[in-house]
């Protein structure tokens, strides 16, 4: 698996291979406490929605500020929630 891919499972949500980050499409999945106990940092909806500027990451051919969820989980097309539009 290439760096930057997200791993998804129906029960555990999404785990980023960029670091020890996890999230899910639902607000409070049963997997959250287990993943946090295993040392993963839970990315909640408020954190996921933060726009990060200044990284100059190419996203579908454009360089634009991107949301945390896009940066951590989108590389395999599995970003939870809507991604920030380029530009």
C-alpha atoms as a PDB file:
ATOM      1  CA  UNK A   1       0.000   0.000   0.000  1.00  0.00           C
ATOM      2  CA  UNK A   2       1.441   3.383  -1.001  1.00  0.00           C
ATOM      3  CA  UNK A   3       1.962   6.158   1.570  1.00  0.00           C
ATOM      4  CA  UNK A   4      -1.056   8.379   2.031  1.00  0.00           C
ATOM      5  CA  UNK A   5      -3.696   5.747   1.462  1.00  0.00           C
ATOM      6  CA  UNK A   6      -6.592   5.324   3.824  1.00  0.00           C
ATOM      7  CA  UNK A   7      -7.719   1.955   5.063  1.00  0.00           C
ATOM      8  CA  UNK A   8     -11.476   1.614   5.473  1.00  0.00           C
ATOM      9  CA  UNK A   9     -13.609  -1.041   7.056  1.00  0.00           C
ATOM     10  CA  UNK A  10     -17.325  -0.939   7.800  1.00  0.00           C
ATOM     11  CA  UNK A  11     -16.779  -1.305  11.542  1.00  0.00           C
ATOM     12  CA  UNK A  12     -13.677   0.813  12.134  1.00  0.00           C
ATOM     13  CA  UNK A  13     -14.168   3.735   9.743  1.00  0.00           C
ATOM     14  CA  UNK A  14     -11.051   5.142   8.114  1.00  0.00           C
ATOM     15  CA  UNK A  15      -7.416   4.905   9.255  1.00  0.00           C
ATOM     16  CA  UNK A  16      -4.730   7.007   7.643  1.00  0.00           C
ATOM     17  CA  UNK A  17      -1.372   5.519   6.751  1.00  0.00           C
ATOM     18  CA  UNK A  18       0.175   8.998   6.930  1.00  0.00           C
ATOM     19  CA  UNK A  19       0.146   8.707  10.699  1.00  0.00           C
ATOM     20  CA  UNK A  20      -1.849   7.302  13.573  1.00  0.00           C
ATOM     21  CA  UNK A  21      -5.165   8.945  12.669  1.00  0.00           C
ATOM     22  CA  UNK A  22      -8.664   7.487  12.470  1.00  0.00           C
ATOM     23  CA  UNK A  23     -12.171   8.731  11.768  1.00  0.00           C
ATOM     24  CA  UNK A  24     -15.597   7.501  10.705  1.00  0.00           C
ATOM     25  CA  UNK A  25     -18.596   8.797   8.815  1.00  0.00           C
ATOM     26  CA  UNK A  26     -20.704   8.602  11.951  1.00  0.00           C
ATOM     27  CA  UNK A  27     -20.294  10.778  15.053  1.00  0.00           C
ATOM     28  CA  UNK A  28     -19.600   8.140  17.709  1.00  0.00           C
ATOM     29  CA  UNK A  29     -18.800   4.702  16.290  1.00  0.00           C
ATOM     30  CA  UNK A  30     -18.190   1.798  18.633  1.00  0.00           C
ATOM     31  CA  UNK A  31     -14.652   1.491  17.247  1.00  0.00           C
ATOM     32  CA  UNK A  32     -13.562   4.937  18.487  1.00  0.00           C
ATOM     33  CA  UNK A  33     -12.554   3.954  22.065  1.00  0.00           C
ATOM     34  CA  UNK A  34     -10.748   0.859  20.794  1.00  0.00           C
ATOM     35  CA  UNK A  35      -8.774   2.813  18.190  1.00  0.00           C
ATOM     36  CA  UNK A  36      -7.898   5.548  20.704  1.00  0.00           C
ATOM     37  CA  UNK A  37      -6.762   2.925  23.227  1.00  0.00           C
ATOM     38  CA  UNK A  38      -4.516   1.521  20.492  1.00  0.00           C
ATOM     39  CA  UNK A  39      -2.845   4.925  20.186  1.00  0.00           C
ATOM     40  CA  UNK A  40      -4.657   6.398  17.191  1.00  0.00           C
ATOM     41  CA  UNK A  41      -5.766  10.028  17.300  1.00  0.00           C
ATOM     42  CA  UNK A  42      -9.464  10.410  16.551  1.00  0.00           C
ATOM     43  CA  UNK A  43     -10.252  13.080  13.958  1.00  0.00           C
ATOM     44  CA  UNK A  44     -13.718  14.404  14.784  1.00  0.00           C
ATOM     45  CA  UNK A  45     -15.926  16.409  12.424  1.00  0.00           C
ATOM     46  CA  UNK A  46     -14.697  19.774  13.751  1.00  0.00           C
ATOM     47  CA  UNK A  47     -11.046  18.841  13.277  1.00  0.00           C
ATOM     48  CA  UNK A  48     -11.730  17.251   9.880  1.00  0.00           C
ATOM     49  CA  UNK A  49     -13.317  20.491   8.648  1.00  0.00           C
ATOM     50  CA  UNK A  50     -10.253  22.676   9.374  1.00  0.00           C
ATOM     51  CA  UNK A  51      -8.743  24.067   6.179  1.00  0.00           C
ATOM     52  CA  UNK A  52      -4.950  23.825   6.047  1.00  0.00           C
ATOM     53  CA  UNK A  53      -3.151  26.458   3.981  1.00  0.00           C
ATOM     54  CA  UNK A  54       0.393  26.727   2.713  1.00  0.00           C
ATOM     55  CA  UNK A  55       1.158  23.037   2.058  1.00  0.00           C
ATOM     56  CA  UNK A  56       1.196  23.274  -1.755  1.00  0.00           C
ATOM     57  CA  UNK A  57      -0.245  19.786  -2.137  1.00  0.00           C
ATOM     58  CA  UNK A  58      -1.468  18.856  -5.608  1.00  0.00           C
ATOM     59  CA  UNK A  59      -5.061  17.663  -5.427  1.00  0.00           C
ATOM     60  CA  UNK A  60      -6.584  16.710  -8.781  1.00  0.00           C
ATOM     61  CA  UNK A  61      -4.106  18.959 -10.605  1.00  0.00           C
ATOM     62  CA  UNK A  62      -4.625  22.049  -8.462  1.00  0.00           C
ATOM     63  CA  UNK A  63      -2.777  23.556  -5.536  1.00  0.00           C
ATOM     64  CA  UNK A  64      -5.266  24.904  -3.048  1.00  0.00           C
ATOM     65  CA  UNK A  65      -5.897  24.877   0.698  1.00  0.00           C
ATOM     66  CA  UNK A  66      -7.355  21.495   1.703  1.00  0.00           C
ATOM     67  CA  UNK A  67      -9.330  20.208   4.653  1.00  0.00           C
ATOM     68  CA  UNK A  68      -7.731  17.946   7.256  1.00  0.00           C
ATOM     69  CA  UNK A  69      -9.965  15.026   6.239  1.00  0.00           C
ATOM     70  CA  UNK A  70      -8.901  15.377   2.605  1.00  0.00           C
ATOM     71  CA  UNK A  71      -5.220  15.494   3.530  1.00  0.00           C
ATOM     72  CA  UNK A  72      -5.366  12.480   5.847  1.00  0.00           C
ATOM     73  CA  UNK A  73      -7.962  10.199   4.279  1.00  0.00           C
ATOM     74  CA  UNK A  74      -8.815  11.178   0.696  1.00  0.00           C
ATOM     75  CA  UNK A  75      -5.900   9.690  -1.227  1.00  0.00           C
ATOM     76  CA  UNK A  76      -7.806   6.480  -1.889  1.00  0.00           C
ATOM     77  CA  UNK A  77     -11.070   8.236  -2.611  1.00  0.00           C
ATOM     78  CA  UNK A  78     -12.433   7.520   0.871  1.00  0.00           C
ATOM     79  CA  UNK A  79     -12.569  10.958   2.450  1.00  0.00           C
ATOM     80  CA  UNK A  80     -15.373  11.210   4.982  1.00  0.00           C
ATOM     81  CA  UNK A  81     -17.642  14.102   4.199  1.00  0.00           C
ATOM     82  CA  UNK A  82     -17.227  16.586   1.361  1.00  0.00           C
ATOM     83  CA  UNK A  83     -13.719  17.583   0.321  1.00  0.00           C
ATOM     84  CA  UNK A  84     -12.757  21.219  -0.099  1.00  0.00           C
ATOM     85  CA  UNK A  85     -13.181  22.322  -3.691  1.00  0.00           C
ATOM     86  CA  UNK A  86      -9.922  23.289  -5.409  1.00  0.00           C
ATOM     87  CA  UNK A  87      -9.347  27.013  -5.777  1.00  0.00           C
END
